[in-house]
Each structure stands twice: as C-alpha cells, then as structure tokens.
C-alpha cells in the first residue's frame, strides 16, 4: 500500500478512555488509552478485549476528534498490537499532536521503523514462552529494541511466573544491556501459591541493576 493510499485507511478501535497507567515506568499517570483490535500473538494469559467483533471502525479524523474530547496529555496506543495499524498511527500523529506512548509486544520492527519519530515512549513487552505459551522471539526483540531506543523513553516490560527459565533471564538482560535501558518485572496475576516474585527479581538484579519489580497496580486499585 502506498503512503498516499494509506492516508485513507481506517482502524478497528475497541475503546477510548481516560485512566491511570497501571504498569511500567509511568505507573500512576493519567493517560488517554486507545485500544486497537487484533494481535499477531496469542498469549495464554491475555485478558484484554481486543476483538474486532466488539470494535468500531474509525478514520484518523474520527479518532482525532474523539481524542480532542479527552483531557490527558499522554495518549497510550495499546491493544492487541497497535503496530498492526502502523500506517494509521503514522497519520494520526500528524493530525493530532500529543505525547504518544506505545505499548507493544516488540516483534514488528519494520512497522515500528515507520512511526518511531512520532512516538515519545515505547514500552516493549517481551513475551516469554514460559509465561505466554508463545515461542521466545529474542532476536526479533533485539532488532525491535534497537529502533525503539530512538524514542525519548524506552523500557522493557516482562510478565513472568514461576516457570521462567535461566535462559530467558539471560536473554532479557542481554537485550536490556545492549540498549542501556530499564527492565520492569511484572509478576503474572493472580500470584500462584508458593510463587515468590522477589526471588526472580534477585536473579535479574545480580546481573543487571537497572531492574524494578512493579505489579499491575490497576488490578489492586480495581480500575481499568
């Protein structure tokens, strides 16, 4: 699809809402969330509604007008996997100026390359096979991280459980070190009986000091 034709594209949006960011480096901040439908992965723990059947097809202009009604200065592009709609996002960033926060699974590097200049923050979620059932994609994650590092803020988020392996820990640390960025460890909720997230945190911290353990706070606060 040519750039000219892409300007007429549409995207399926599941919901647009204001809420407090519950994960990552900016936990506690007010953001406007734009949830895109569809994902290129099928994680076992996914509890997010991103189905096309429950979404509304919108043009960039329609979404921009909706965003003008919201109050948050930060717009979180989430999903699903928002980069499946990278041409839509690229046009949106030119039509509606905001501080854009991209939540992504870190596997679509070529699509990220097309929008990175318009994105302020990239939160890359490395999907571990031990937690998601999806195969590890560390080479793809590394390639993605090199591009994501061009954003003003870039960090890695990792959802994990008691099944995390030493190899997964080593590979995640390697990606973070190569890109000199922080790791946010996020234990899968609800916690399994006998699971001690701090033990996993210490394994990371022994080898890489730029790591934090932050649960999904919005689940504790019972907010979206």
Protein backbone atom coordinates (compact mmCIF):
# COMPACT_ATOMS: atom_id res chain seq x y z
CA UNK A 1 0.00 0.00 0.00
CA UNK A 2 1.42 3.38 -0.97
CA UNK A 3 1.79 6.21 1.54
CA UNK A 4 -0.77 8.22 -0.44
CA UNK A 5 -3.36 5.48 -0.26
CA UNK A 6 -2.57 4.77 3.39
CA UNK A 7 -3.87 8.21 4.33
CA UNK A 8 -7.38 6.94 3.63
CA UNK A 9 -7.11 3.87 5.83
CA UNK A 10 -9.19 3.03 8.86
CA UNK A 11 -8.57 1.07 12.03
CA UNK A 12 -10.74 -1.01 14.34
CA UNK A 13 -10.80 0.66 17.76
CA UNK A 14 -12.17 -1.31 20.70
CA UNK A 15 -12.31 1.57 23.17
CA UNK A 16 -11.05 5.05 24.03
CA UNK A 17 -10.94 6.02 27.69
CA UNK A 18 -9.09 8.01 30.32
CA UNK A 19 -7.49 6.08 33.15
CA UNK A 20 -4.42 5.81 35.33
CA UNK A 21 -1.47 3.96 33.83
CA UNK A 22 -1.13 0.80 35.89
CA UNK A 23 2.13 -0.60 34.53
CA UNK A 24 5.72 0.29 33.80
CA UNK A 25 7.79 3.41 34.39
CA UNK A 26 4.84 5.82 34.31
CA UNK A 27 2.56 3.98 36.71
CA UNK A 28 0.10 6.36 38.36
CA UNK A 29 -0.06 8.87 35.49
CA UNK A 30 -3.30 9.86 33.82
CA UNK A 31 -3.40 8.78 30.18
CA UNK A 32 -5.91 8.50 27.37
CA UNK A 33 -5.94 4.90 26.15
CA UNK A 34 -6.70 3.96 22.55
CA UNK A 35 -7.16 0.21 22.30
CA UNK A 36 -6.71 -1.28 18.83
CA UNK A 37 -8.19 -4.66 17.94
CA UNK A 38 -6.12 -7.57 16.72
CA UNK A 39 -2.76 -9.06 17.66
CA UNK A 40 -0.09 -11.13 15.94
CA UNK A 41 0.40 -13.22 19.09
CA UNK A 42 -1.92 -15.37 21.21
CA UNK A 43 -0.61 -15.23 24.77
CA UNK A 44 -2.09 -17.70 27.23
CA UNK A 45 -2.54 -15.10 29.98
CA UNK A 46 -4.08 -12.36 27.82
CA UNK A 47 -7.20 -10.97 29.50
CA UNK A 48 -7.67 -7.96 27.22
CA UNK A 49 -10.65 -7.49 24.95
CA UNK A 50 -9.18 -6.63 21.56
CA UNK A 51 -11.61 -8.49 19.32
CA UNK A 52 -12.68 -6.95 16.02
CA UNK A 53 -16.26 -8.07 16.73
CA UNK A 54 -16.53 -5.63 19.62
CA UNK A 55 -14.67 -2.78 17.92
CA UNK A 56 -15.68 0.21 15.80
CA UNK A 57 -14.02 1.03 12.50
CA UNK A 58 -12.79 4.62 12.62
CA UNK A 59 -10.95 7.02 10.35
CA UNK A 60 -7.99 9.04 11.61
CA UNK A 61 -10.15 12.17 11.61
CA UNK A 62 -12.83 10.47 13.68
CA UNK A 63 -10.31 9.27 16.24
CA UNK A 64 -8.56 12.65 16.37
CA UNK A 65 -11.91 14.32 17.11
CA UNK A 66 -12.56 11.82 19.90
CA UNK A 67 -9.14 12.49 21.40
CA UNK A 68 -9.84 16.22 21.47
CA UNK A 69 -12.67 15.46 23.90
CA UNK A 70 -10.25 13.81 26.33
CA UNK A 71 -8.15 15.63 28.92
CA UNK A 72 -4.97 13.57 29.21
CA UNK A 73 -1.83 14.89 27.52
CA UNK A 74 -0.42 11.39 27.09
CA UNK A 75 -2.09 9.09 24.56
CA UNK A 76 -1.38 5.40 25.09
CA UNK A 77 -1.63 3.31 21.93
CA UNK A 78 -2.40 -0.20 23.10
CA UNK A 79 -4.18 -3.36 22.07
CA UNK A 80 -3.91 -6.04 20.96
CA UNK A 81 -0.88 -4.99 19.00
CA UNK A 82 -1.21 -1.37 17.81
CA UNK A 83 1.62 -1.62 15.26
CA UNK A 84 -0.59 -3.79 13.06
CA UNK A 85 -2.10 -0.37 12.25
CA UNK A 86 1.21 1.48 11.82
CA UNK A 87 0.10 3.48 8.77
CA UNK A 88 -2.99 4.64 10.64
CA UNK A 89 -0.83 5.58 13.63
CA UNK A 90 1.62 7.47 11.43
CA UNK A 91 -1.17 9.61 10.03
CA UNK A 92 -2.77 10.08 13.46
CA UNK A 93 0.47 11.51 14.84
CA UNK A 94 0.46 14.17 12.12
CA UNK A 95 -3.23 15.04 12.58
CA UNK A 96 -3.36 15.07 16.40
CA UNK A 97 -0.38 16.31 18.38
CA UNK A 98 0.17 14.59 21.70
CA UNK A 99 2.70 12.77 23.81
CA UNK A 100 2.39 9.27 22.34
CA UNK A 101 3.03 6.19 24.47
CA UNK A 102 3.25 2.90 22.54
CA UNK A 103 2.54 -0.41 24.28
CA UNK A 104 3.82 -3.22 22.07
CA UNK A 105 4.93 -6.85 22.08
CA UNK A 106 8.21 -5.90 20.41
CA UNK A 107 8.06 -8.17 17.36
CA UNK A 108 7.19 -5.84 14.45
CA UNK A 109 10.40 -3.86 13.99
CA UNK A 110 9.81 -2.85 10.36
CA UNK A 111 6.45 -1.36 11.27
CA UNK A 112 7.96 0.46 14.25
CA UNK A 113 10.58 1.98 11.96
CA UNK A 114 7.77 3.78 10.12
CA UNK A 115 6.40 5.56 13.21
CA UNK A 116 9.27 5.83 15.71
CA UNK A 117 9.93 9.52 15.02
CA UNK A 118 6.41 10.33 16.24
CA UNK A 119 6.49 8.18 19.39
CA UNK A 120 7.67 9.63 22.71
CA UNK A 121 7.66 6.45 24.80
CA UNK A 122 7.98 2.79 23.81
CA UNK A 123 7.02 0.16 26.38
CA UNK A 124 8.22 -3.12 24.88
CA UNK A 125 6.72 -6.23 26.46
CA UNK A 126 8.97 -9.24 25.94
CA UNK A 127 6.64 -12.22 25.77
CA UNK A 128 8.27 -15.20 27.46
CA UNK A 129 7.39 -18.70 26.30
CA UNK A 130 7.33 -19.85 29.92
CA UNK A 131 4.50 -17.44 30.72
CA UNK A 132 2.65 -16.99 27.42
CA UNK A 133 2.92 -20.28 25.56
CA UNK A 134 4.26 -18.30 22.58
CA UNK A 135 7.76 -19.15 21.37
CA UNK A 136 10.55 -16.84 22.51
CA UNK A 137 11.50 -14.24 19.91
CA UNK A 138 14.66 -12.76 21.37
CA UNK A 139 16.30 -11.96 18.03
CA UNK A 140 13.18 -10.08 16.94
CA UNK A 141 13.03 -8.36 20.32
CA UNK A 142 16.66 -7.22 19.98
CA UNK A 143 16.09 -5.81 16.50
CA UNK A 144 12.96 -4.05 17.73
CA UNK A 145 14.75 -2.63 20.76
CA UNK A 146 17.44 -1.01 18.64
CA UNK A 147 14.76 1.00 16.85
CA UNK A 148 12.68 1.66 19.97
CA UNK A 149 15.75 3.13 21.65
CA UNK A 150 15.41 6.14 19.35
CA UNK A 151 12.34 7.26 21.31
CA UNK A 152 12.71 9.76 24.16
CA UNK A 153 11.90 6.99 26.62
CA UNK A 154 12.24 3.26 26.09
CA UNK A 155 11.89 0.47 28.61
CA UNK A 156 11.33 -3.27 28.63
CA UNK A 157 8.45 -4.90 30.46
CA UNK A 158 8.41 -8.61 31.28
CA UNK A 159 5.43 -10.56 32.60
CA UNK A 160 6.72 -13.68 34.33
CA UNK A 161 5.70 -16.54 36.56
CA UNK A 162 7.44 -19.35 38.44
CA UNK A 163 8.24 -21.14 35.17
CA UNK A 164 10.71 -18.50 33.94
CA UNK A 165 13.99 -20.11 32.83
CA UNK A 166 17.61 -19.10 33.32
CA UNK A 167 17.98 -18.83 29.54
CA UNK A 168 15.06 -16.40 29.37
CA UNK A 169 16.58 -14.29 32.14
CA UNK A 170 19.95 -14.20 30.38
CA UNK A 171 18.44 -13.20 27.03
CA UNK A 172 16.28 -10.44 28.52
CA UNK A 173 19.25 -8.98 30.37
CA UNK A 174 21.34 -9.12 27.20
CA UNK A 175 18.73 -7.11 25.27
CA UNK A 176 18.46 -4.54 28.05
CA UNK A 177 22.25 -4.18 28.35
CA UNK A 178 22.70 -3.83 24.60
CA UNK A 179 20.23 -0.94 24.61
CA UNK A 180 21.10 0.51 28.03
CA UNK A 181 17.51 0.52 29.18
CA UNK A 182 15.47 -0.46 32.22
CA UNK A 183 13.61 -3.70 32.85
CA UNK A 184 10.24 -3.64 34.59
CA UNK A 185 9.43 -7.09 36.01
CA UNK A 186 5.72 -7.74 36.31
CA UNK A 187 4.57 -10.94 38.07
CA UNK A 188 1.65 -12.65 36.38
CA UNK A 189 -1.55 -12.11 38.34
CA UNK A 190 -3.07 -13.60 40.36
CA UNK A 191 0.04 -14.92 42.06
CA UNK A 192 0.29 -18.70 42.18
CA UNK A 193 0.55 -20.28 45.61
CA UNK A 194 4.17 -20.52 46.72
CA UNK A 195 5.43 -18.22 43.98
CA UNK A 196 7.94 -15.63 45.26
CA UNK A 197 8.49 -12.86 42.66
CA UNK A 198 11.34 -11.36 44.65
CA UNK A 199 13.41 -14.49 44.03
CA UNK A 200 13.19 -13.87 40.29
CA UNK A 201 13.89 -10.17 40.82
CA UNK A 202 17.10 -11.02 42.68
CA UNK A 203 18.27 -13.24 39.81
CA UNK A 204 17.92 -10.28 37.45
CA UNK A 205 19.42 -7.78 39.89
CA UNK A 206 22.54 -9.91 40.47
CA UNK A 207 23.41 -9.42 36.80
CA UNK A 208 21.75 -6.10 35.92
CA UNK A 209 21.00 -3.29 38.35
CA UNK A 210 18.53 -1.35 36.20
CA UNK A 211 15.55 -3.51 37.05
CA UNK A 212 12.37 -2.88 39.02
CA UNK A 213 9.60 -5.14 40.33
CA UNK A 214 6.20 -3.47 39.74
CA UNK A 215 2.91 -5.42 39.75
CA UNK A 216 -0.14 -4.40 37.74
CA UNK A 217 -1.31 -1.68 40.12
CA UNK A 218 -4.62 -1.05 38.34
CA UNK A 219 -5.74 -4.54 39.38
CA UNK A 220 -5.13 -3.69 43.02
CA UNK A 221 -6.97 -0.39 42.62
CA UNK A 222 -9.79 -2.03 40.66
CA UNK A 223 -9.58 0.43 37.77
CA UNK A 224 -9.31 -0.07 34.00
